[in-house]
Amino acid sequence: MKKLYSATLIPGLVHFSLLIIRISTGLLILPHGLIKLMHFHTISWQFADPLNIGPEISLLLVIIAEVICPVFLIIGLFTRLAVLPLLIEMLVILIKIYHYSPILNRELDWHYLTAFLVILCCGPGKFSADGWLSR
């Protein structure tokens, strides 16, 4: 019972928690990218262009961030590098695209941003390809 109120970290649970957040966040964002990939030609002309690089290139960058990076995130390979495009994407969405929307309408984006920040700061944990390679 005393451990429930303790601020002491339990290493095995920390690594297991990082595994859970990595896999769940990767699996949750992956379908967003797959839908965009499957409908590339129908949505590319109307896709948001917040960085003024063209809607097709913007969509391509988002697809890379939402399809390739989550795969690396799930397996825990190059984790901190893989989370950077996702983190940047969420920042662009929150700052440039939906900056006038009420915060309650952007809850999912804030949750993704928070999870990506945790992964960036804490790393993948030992239950990952990065953890296995660093042994």
N, C-alpha and C. Protein backbone atom coordinates (compact mmCIF):
# COMPACT_ATOMS: atom_id res chain seq x y z
N MET A 1 0.82 -1.19 0.00
CA MET A 1 0.00 0.00 0.00
C MET A 1 0.86 1.25 0.00
N LYS A 2 2.01 1.17 0.67
CA LYS A 2 2.89 2.31 0.77
C LYS A 2 3.42 2.73 -0.61
N LYS A 3 3.60 1.76 -1.52
CA LYS A 3 4.11 2.06 -2.86
C LYS A 3 3.12 2.88 -3.69
N LEU A 4 1.83 2.78 -3.37
CA LEU A 4 0.84 3.55 -4.12
C LEU A 4 1.01 5.05 -3.92
N TYR A 5 1.54 5.44 -2.77
CA TYR A 5 1.71 6.86 -2.46
C TYR A 5 3.14 7.33 -2.64
N SER A 6 4.01 6.45 -3.06
CA SER A 6 5.42 6.77 -3.19
C SER A 6 5.70 7.45 -4.53
N ALA A 7 6.67 8.35 -4.53
CA ALA A 7 7.11 9.01 -5.76
C ALA A 7 8.31 8.29 -6.37
N THR A 8 8.71 7.18 -5.77
CA THR A 8 9.84 6.42 -6.26
C THR A 8 9.46 5.67 -7.54
N LEU A 9 10.35 5.76 -8.52
CA LEU A 9 10.11 5.07 -9.78
C LEU A 9 10.46 3.60 -9.66
N ILE A 10 9.66 2.77 -10.28
CA ILE A 10 9.95 1.34 -10.36
C ILE A 10 10.40 1.09 -11.79
N PRO A 11 11.70 0.83 -12.00
CA PRO A 11 12.26 0.77 -13.35
C PRO A 11 11.49 -0.10 -14.33
N GLY A 12 11.07 -1.30 -13.92
CA GLY A 12 10.34 -2.18 -14.82
C GLY A 12 9.03 -1.58 -15.28
N LEU A 13 8.35 -0.90 -14.36
CA LEU A 13 7.08 -0.26 -14.73
C LEU A 13 7.29 0.97 -15.60
N VAL A 14 8.38 1.68 -15.41
CA VAL A 14 8.69 2.82 -16.27
C VAL A 14 8.89 2.34 -17.70
N HIS A 15 9.68 1.30 -17.87
CA HIS A 15 9.93 0.77 -19.22
C HIS A 15 8.66 0.19 -19.84
N PHE A 16 7.84 -0.46 -19.03
CA PHE A 16 6.58 -1.00 -19.52
C PHE A 16 5.63 0.15 -19.92
N SER A 17 5.62 1.22 -19.14
CA SER A 17 4.78 2.39 -19.45
C SER A 17 5.22 3.04 -20.74
N LEU A 18 6.52 3.14 -20.96
CA LEU A 18 7.03 3.70 -22.22
C LEU A 18 6.64 2.82 -23.40
N LEU A 19 6.67 1.51 -23.21
CA LEU A 19 6.22 0.59 -24.25
C LEU A 19 4.75 0.84 -24.59
N ILE A 20 3.92 0.96 -23.56
CA ILE A 20 2.49 1.17 -23.76
C ILE A 20 2.22 2.49 -24.49
N ILE A 21 2.85 3.57 -24.05
CA ILE A 21 2.60 4.87 -24.68
C ILE A 21 3.12 4.90 -26.11
N ARG A 22 4.26 4.24 -26.35
CA ARG A 22 4.82 4.20 -27.71
C ARG A 22 3.91 3.44 -28.66
N ILE A 23 3.50 2.24 -28.26
CA ILE A 23 2.68 1.40 -29.14
C ILE A 23 1.29 1.98 -29.32
N SER A 24 0.67 2.40 -28.24
CA SER A 24 -0.71 2.92 -28.37
C SER A 24 -0.76 4.19 -29.18
N THR A 25 0.16 5.10 -28.96
CA THR A 25 0.16 6.36 -29.72
C THR A 25 0.47 6.09 -31.19
N GLY A 26 1.41 5.21 -31.45
CA GLY A 26 1.73 4.85 -32.83
C GLY A 26 0.56 4.21 -33.55
N LEU A 27 -0.11 3.27 -32.87
CA LEU A 27 -1.26 2.60 -33.48
C LEU A 27 -2.46 3.54 -33.66
N LEU A 28 -2.59 4.52 -32.79
CA LEU A 28 -3.72 5.44 -32.90
C LEU A 28 -3.53 6.46 -34.02
N ILE A 29 -2.30 6.89 -34.28
CA ILE A 29 -2.09 7.90 -35.31
C ILE A 29 -1.90 7.28 -36.70
N LEU A 30 -1.49 6.03 -36.75
CA LEU A 30 -1.25 5.36 -38.04
C LEU A 30 -2.46 5.36 -38.97
N PRO A 31 -3.68 5.08 -38.51
CA PRO A 31 -4.83 5.11 -39.43
C PRO A 31 -5.08 6.48 -40.06
N HIS A 32 -4.75 7.56 -39.33
CA HIS A 32 -4.90 8.91 -39.90
C HIS A 32 -4.04 9.05 -41.16
N GLY A 33 -2.81 8.54 -41.08
CA GLY A 33 -1.91 8.61 -42.22
C GLY A 33 -2.30 7.66 -43.34
N LEU A 34 -2.77 6.46 -42.99
CA LEU A 34 -3.17 5.50 -44.03
C LEU A 34 -4.36 6.00 -44.83
N ILE A 35 -5.30 6.66 -44.17
CA ILE A 35 -6.45 7.23 -44.89
C ILE A 35 -5.97 8.31 -45.86
N LYS A 36 -5.05 9.15 -45.41
CA LYS A 36 -4.52 10.20 -46.28
C LYS A 36 -3.75 9.58 -47.45
N LEU A 37 -3.01 8.52 -47.19
CA LEU A 37 -2.25 7.85 -48.24
C LEU A 37 -3.18 7.23 -49.29
N MET A 38 -4.25 6.57 -48.84
CA MET A 38 -5.18 5.93 -49.76
C MET A 38 -5.94 6.93 -50.62
N HIS A 39 -6.16 8.13 -50.09
CA HIS A 39 -6.95 9.14 -50.81
C HIS A 39 -6.09 10.31 -51.25
N PHE A 40 -4.80 10.07 -51.47
CA PHE A 40 -3.86 11.14 -51.79
C PHE A 40 -4.34 12.01 -52.95
N HIS A 41 -4.73 11.39 -54.05
CA HIS A 41 -5.08 12.15 -55.25
C HIS A 41 -6.38 12.93 -55.11
N THR A 42 -7.27 12.47 -54.26
CA THR A 42 -8.54 13.19 -54.10
C THR A 42 -8.45 14.34 -53.09
N ILE A 43 -7.51 14.27 -52.15
CA ILE A 43 -7.44 15.34 -51.16
C ILE A 43 -6.22 16.25 -51.33
N SER A 44 -5.29 15.90 -52.20
CA SER A 44 -4.05 16.67 -52.30
C SER A 44 -4.28 18.11 -52.76
N TRP A 45 -5.23 18.35 -53.62
CA TRP A 45 -5.46 19.72 -54.13
C TRP A 45 -6.11 20.62 -53.09
N GLN A 46 -6.77 20.05 -52.09
CA GLN A 46 -7.45 20.87 -51.08
C GLN A 46 -6.82 20.76 -49.70
N PHE A 47 -5.67 20.10 -49.59
CA PHE A 47 -5.04 19.90 -48.29
C PHE A 47 -4.47 21.23 -47.78
N ALA A 48 -4.49 21.41 -46.49
CA ALA A 48 -3.97 22.64 -45.88
C ALA A 48 -2.49 22.82 -46.20
N ASP A 49 -2.09 24.07 -46.39
CA ASP A 49 -0.70 24.40 -46.71
C ASP A 49 -0.19 25.46 -45.74
N PRO A 50 -0.04 25.10 -44.46
CA PRO A 50 0.33 26.11 -43.46
C PRO A 50 1.76 26.63 -43.59
N LEU A 51 2.63 25.89 -44.26
CA LEU A 51 4.02 26.32 -44.40
C LEU A 51 4.32 26.93 -45.78
N ASN A 52 3.29 27.08 -46.60
CA ASN A 52 3.40 27.67 -47.94
C ASN A 52 4.42 26.93 -48.81
N ILE A 53 4.33 25.61 -48.81
CA ILE A 53 5.21 24.78 -49.65
C ILE A 53 4.40 24.01 -50.69
N GLY A 54 3.11 24.27 -50.73
CA GLY A 54 2.22 23.58 -51.66
C GLY A 54 1.43 22.50 -50.95
N PRO A 55 0.16 22.34 -51.31
CA PRO A 55 -0.67 21.35 -50.63
C PRO A 55 -0.21 19.91 -50.83
N GLU A 56 0.33 19.59 -52.03
CA GLU A 56 0.78 18.23 -52.27
C GLU A 56 1.98 17.87 -51.41
N ILE A 57 2.93 18.80 -51.31
CA ILE A 57 4.12 18.54 -50.50
C ILE A 57 3.74 18.50 -49.02
N SER A 58 2.84 19.39 -48.61
CA SER A 58 2.36 19.36 -47.22
C SER A 58 1.73 18.02 -46.89
N LEU A 59 0.88 17.53 -47.80
CA LEU A 59 0.24 16.24 -47.58
C LEU A 59 1.27 15.12 -47.56
N LEU A 60 2.25 15.17 -48.44
CA LEU A 60 3.30 14.15 -48.46
C LEU A 60 4.07 14.12 -47.15
N LEU A 61 4.41 15.29 -46.61
CA LEU A 61 5.12 15.35 -45.33
C LEU A 61 4.27 14.80 -44.19
N VAL A 62 2.98 15.09 -44.22
CA VAL A 62 2.08 14.57 -43.18
C VAL A 62 1.96 13.05 -43.30
N ILE A 63 1.89 12.54 -44.52
CA ILE A 63 1.82 11.08 -44.71
C ILE A 63 3.09 10.41 -44.19
N ILE A 64 4.24 11.00 -44.48
CA ILE A 64 5.50 10.45 -43.95
C ILE A 64 5.46 10.44 -42.43
N ALA A 65 5.00 11.56 -41.85
CA ALA A 65 4.94 11.66 -40.39
C ALA A 65 3.95 10.69 -39.79
N GLU A 66 2.82 10.44 -40.47
CA GLU A 66 1.75 9.63 -39.89
C GLU A 66 1.77 8.17 -40.32
N VAL A 67 2.63 7.79 -41.26
CA VAL A 67 2.70 6.39 -41.68
C VAL A 67 4.06 5.78 -41.34
N ILE A 68 5.13 6.43 -41.77
CA ILE A 68 6.46 5.86 -41.55
C ILE A 68 6.91 6.03 -40.10
N CYS A 69 6.75 7.22 -39.55
CA CYS A 69 7.21 7.48 -38.18
C CYS A 69 6.49 6.61 -37.14
N PRO A 70 5.16 6.42 -37.23
CA PRO A 70 4.53 5.53 -36.25
C PRO A 70 5.03 4.09 -36.29
N VAL A 71 5.42 3.61 -37.47
CA VAL A 71 5.96 2.25 -37.55
C VAL A 71 7.26 2.17 -36.75
N PHE A 72 8.14 3.16 -36.94
CA PHE A 72 9.37 3.21 -36.16
C PHE A 72 9.08 3.37 -34.67
N LEU A 73 8.06 4.16 -34.37
CA LEU A 73 7.67 4.39 -32.97
C LEU A 73 7.19 3.09 -32.33
N ILE A 74 6.37 2.34 -33.04
CA ILE A 74 5.81 1.09 -32.50
C ILE A 74 6.91 0.07 -32.21
N ILE A 75 7.86 -0.08 -33.12
CA ILE A 75 8.93 -1.06 -32.88
C ILE A 75 10.05 -0.48 -32.01
N GLY A 76 10.03 0.84 -31.83
CA GLY A 76 11.03 1.47 -30.97
C GLY A 76 12.39 1.60 -31.61
N LEU A 77 12.40 1.81 -32.91
CA LEU A 77 13.66 1.96 -33.65
C LEU A 77 13.82 3.43 -34.06
N PHE A 78 14.97 4.01 -33.77
CA PHE A 78 15.22 5.44 -34.01
C PHE A 78 14.09 6.28 -33.41
N THR A 79 13.71 5.94 -32.22
CA THR A 79 12.49 6.48 -31.61
C THR A 79 12.48 7.99 -31.49
N ARG A 80 13.55 8.55 -30.94
CA ARG A 80 13.56 10.01 -30.76
C ARG A 80 13.57 10.74 -32.10
N LEU A 81 14.21 10.19 -33.10
CA LEU A 81 14.17 10.80 -34.43
C LEU A 81 12.79 10.64 -35.06
N ALA A 82 12.17 9.50 -34.85
CA ALA A 82 10.86 9.23 -35.43
C ALA A 82 9.77 10.10 -34.82
N VAL A 83 9.93 10.47 -33.56
CA VAL A 83 8.89 11.25 -32.90
C VAL A 83 8.99 12.74 -33.27
N LEU A 84 10.12 13.19 -33.75
CA LEU A 84 10.27 14.62 -34.09
C LEU A 84 9.29 15.10 -35.17
N PRO A 85 9.16 14.40 -36.31
CA PRO A 85 8.18 14.87 -37.30
C PRO A 85 6.75 14.87 -36.76
N LEU A 86 6.43 13.92 -35.92
CA LEU A 86 5.09 13.87 -35.34
C LEU A 86 4.87 15.03 -34.38
N LEU A 87 5.88 15.35 -33.61
CA LEU A 87 5.82 16.47 -32.69
C LEU A 87 5.68 17.79 -33.46
N ILE A 88 6.46 17.95 -34.51
CA ILE A 88 6.38 19.15 -35.34
C ILE A 88 5.00 19.25 -35.99
N GLU A 89 4.49 18.12 -36.48
CA GLU A 89 3.16 18.12 -37.09
C GLU A 89 2.10 18.60 -36.10
N MET A 90 2.14 18.09 -34.88
CA MET A 90 1.14 18.50 -33.88
C MET A 90 1.28 19.98 -33.54
N LEU A 91 2.51 20.47 -33.47
CA LEU A 91 2.71 21.90 -33.20
C LEU A 91 2.15 22.75 -34.33
N VAL A 92 2.40 22.34 -35.57
CA VAL A 92 1.87 23.07 -36.73
C VAL A 92 0.35 23.05 -36.72
N ILE A 93 -0.22 21.90 -36.42
CA ILE A 93 -1.68 21.79 -36.37
C ILE A 93 -2.24 22.73 -35.31
N LEU A 94 -1.65 22.72 -34.13
CA LEU A 94 -2.18 23.53 -33.03
C LEU A 94 -1.91 25.02 -33.21
N ILE A 95 -0.76 25.37 -33.76
CA ILE A 95 -0.38 26.79 -33.86
C ILE A 95 -0.87 27.44 -35.15
N LYS A 96 -0.75 26.73 -36.28
CA LYS A 96 -1.05 27.35 -37.57
C LYS A 96 -2.45 27.03 -38.11
N ILE A 97 -2.94 25.83 -37.87
CA ILE A 97 -4.19 25.43 -38.50
C ILE A 97 -5.38 25.68 -37.60
N TYR A 98 -5.32 25.25 -36.37
CA TYR A 98 -6.48 25.36 -35.48
C TYR A 98 -6.26 26.36 -34.35
N HIS A 99 -5.51 27.41 -34.60
CA HIS A 99 -5.20 28.34 -33.52
C HIS A 99 -6.41 29.12 -33.03
N TYR A 100 -7.47 29.23 -33.83
CA TYR A 100 -8.68 29.93 -33.39
C TYR A 100 -9.72 29.00 -32.78
N SER A 101 -9.51 27.71 -32.89
CA SER A 101 -10.48 26.75 -32.33
C SER A 101 -10.37 26.71 -30.81
N PRO A 102 -11.49 26.51 -30.14
CA PRO A 102 -11.43 26.36 -28.67
C PRO A 102 -10.59 25.14 -28.30
N ILE A 103 -9.92 25.24 -27.18
CA ILE A 103 -9.00 24.17 -26.75
C ILE A 103 -9.73 22.84 -26.58
N LEU A 104 -10.99 22.87 -26.20
CA LEU A 104 -11.73 21.62 -26.01
C LEU A 104 -11.99 20.91 -27.33
N ASN A 105 -11.95 21.64 -28.45
CA ASN A 105 -12.12 21.01 -29.76
C ASN A 105 -10.82 20.38 -30.26
N ARG A 106 -9.72 20.63 -29.60
CA ARG A 106 -8.41 20.15 -30.03
C ARG A 106 -7.79 19.18 -29.03
N GLU A 107 -8.63 18.53 -28.23
CA GLU A 107 -8.12 17.64 -27.18
C GLU A 107 -7.21 16.55 -27.72
N LEU A 108 -7.60 15.91 -28.81
CA LEU A 108 -6.81 14.82 -29.36
C LEU A 108 -5.42 15.30 -29.77
N ASP A 109 -5.37 16.46 -30.41
CA ASP A 109 -4.07 17.00 -30.82
C ASP A 109 -3.19 17.29 -29.60
N TRP A 110 -3.77 17.82 -28.54
CA TRP A 110 -3.01 18.08 -27.30
C TRP A 110 -2.54 16.77 -26.66
N HIS A 111 -3.36 15.74 -26.72
CA HIS A 111 -2.94 14.44 -26.16
C HIS A 111 -1.78 13.86 -26.97
N TYR A 112 -1.87 13.93 -28.29
CA TYR A 112 -0.77 13.47 -29.12
C TYR A 112 0.50 14.25 -28.81
N LEU A 113 0.38 15.58 -28.75
CA LEU A 113 1.54 16.42 -28.46
C LEU A 113 2.18 16.03 -27.13
N THR A 114 1.36 15.82 -26.12
CA THR A 114 1.86 15.43 -24.80
C THR A 114 2.57 14.08 -24.86
N ALA A 115 1.96 13.11 -25.51
CA ALA A 115 2.57 11.77 -25.62
C ALA A 115 3.90 11.84 -26.37
N PHE A 116 3.94 12.61 -27.46
CA PHE A 116 5.17 12.73 -28.23
C PHE A 116 6.27 13.42 -27.43
N LEU A 117 5.90 14.40 -26.62
CA LEU A 117 6.89 15.05 -25.75
C LEU A 117 7.45 14.09 -24.71
N VAL A 118 6.58 13.26 -24.14
CA VAL A 118 7.03 12.26 -23.15
C VAL A 118 8.00 11.29 -23.81
N ILE A 119 7.66 10.82 -25.00
CA ILE A 119 8.53 9.88 -25.71
C ILE A 119 9.86 10.53 -26.07
N LEU A 120 9.82 11.78 -26.52
CA LEU A 120 11.05 12.50 -26.85
C LEU A 120 11.94 12.64 -25.62
N CYS A 121 11.36 13.02 -24.50
CA CYS A 121 12.13 13.25 -23.28
C CYS A 121 12.62 11.95 -22.64
N CYS A 122 11.79 10.94 -22.59
CA CYS A 122 12.12 9.70 -21.87
C CYS A 122 12.76 8.64 -22.74
N GLY A 123 12.59 8.73 -24.05
CA GLY A 123 13.12 7.71 -24.94
C GLY A 123 12.19 6.52 -25.04
N PRO A 124 12.63 5.48 -25.73
CA PRO A 124 11.75 4.33 -25.99
C PRO A 124 11.65 3.33 -24.85
N GLY A 125 12.58 3.37 -23.92
CA GLY A 125 12.60 2.35 -22.87
C GLY A 125 13.36 1.12 -23.34
N LYS A 126 13.58 0.19 -22.43
CA LYS A 126 14.38 -0.98 -22.78
C LYS A 126 13.60 -2.03 -23.57
N PHE A 127 12.26 -1.94 -23.58
CA PHE A 127 11.45 -2.87 -24.37
C PHE A 127 11.23 -2.30 -25.76
N SER A 128 12.32 -2.13 -26.50
CA SER A 128 12.27 -1.51 -27.83
C SER A 128 13.46 -2.00 -28.63
N ALA A 129 13.42 -1.75 -29.93
CA ALA A 129 14.57 -2.11 -30.76
C ALA A 129 15.78 -1.27 -30.37
N ASP A 130 15.57 0.00 -30.04
CA ASP A 130 16.67 0.85 -29.59
C ASP A 130 17.27 0.31 -28.29
N GLY A 131 16.40 -0.13 -27.38
CA GLY A 131 16.88 -0.70 -26.12
C GLY A 131 17.67 -1.97 -26.34
N TRP A 132 17.21 -2.78 -27.27
CA TRP A 132 17.90 -4.03 -27.58
C TRP A 132 19.25 -3.75 -28.23
N LEU A 133 19.29 -2.76 -29.15
CA LEU A 133 20.54 -2.44 -29.85
C LEU A 133 21.57 -1.78 -28.93
N SER A 134 21.12 -1.12 -27.88
CA SER A 134 22.06 -0.43 -27.00
C SER A 134 22.67 -1.34 -25.94
N ARG A 135 22.27 -2.60 -25.91
CA ARG A 135 22.85 -3.54 -24.92
C ARG A 135 24.25 -3.94 -25.27
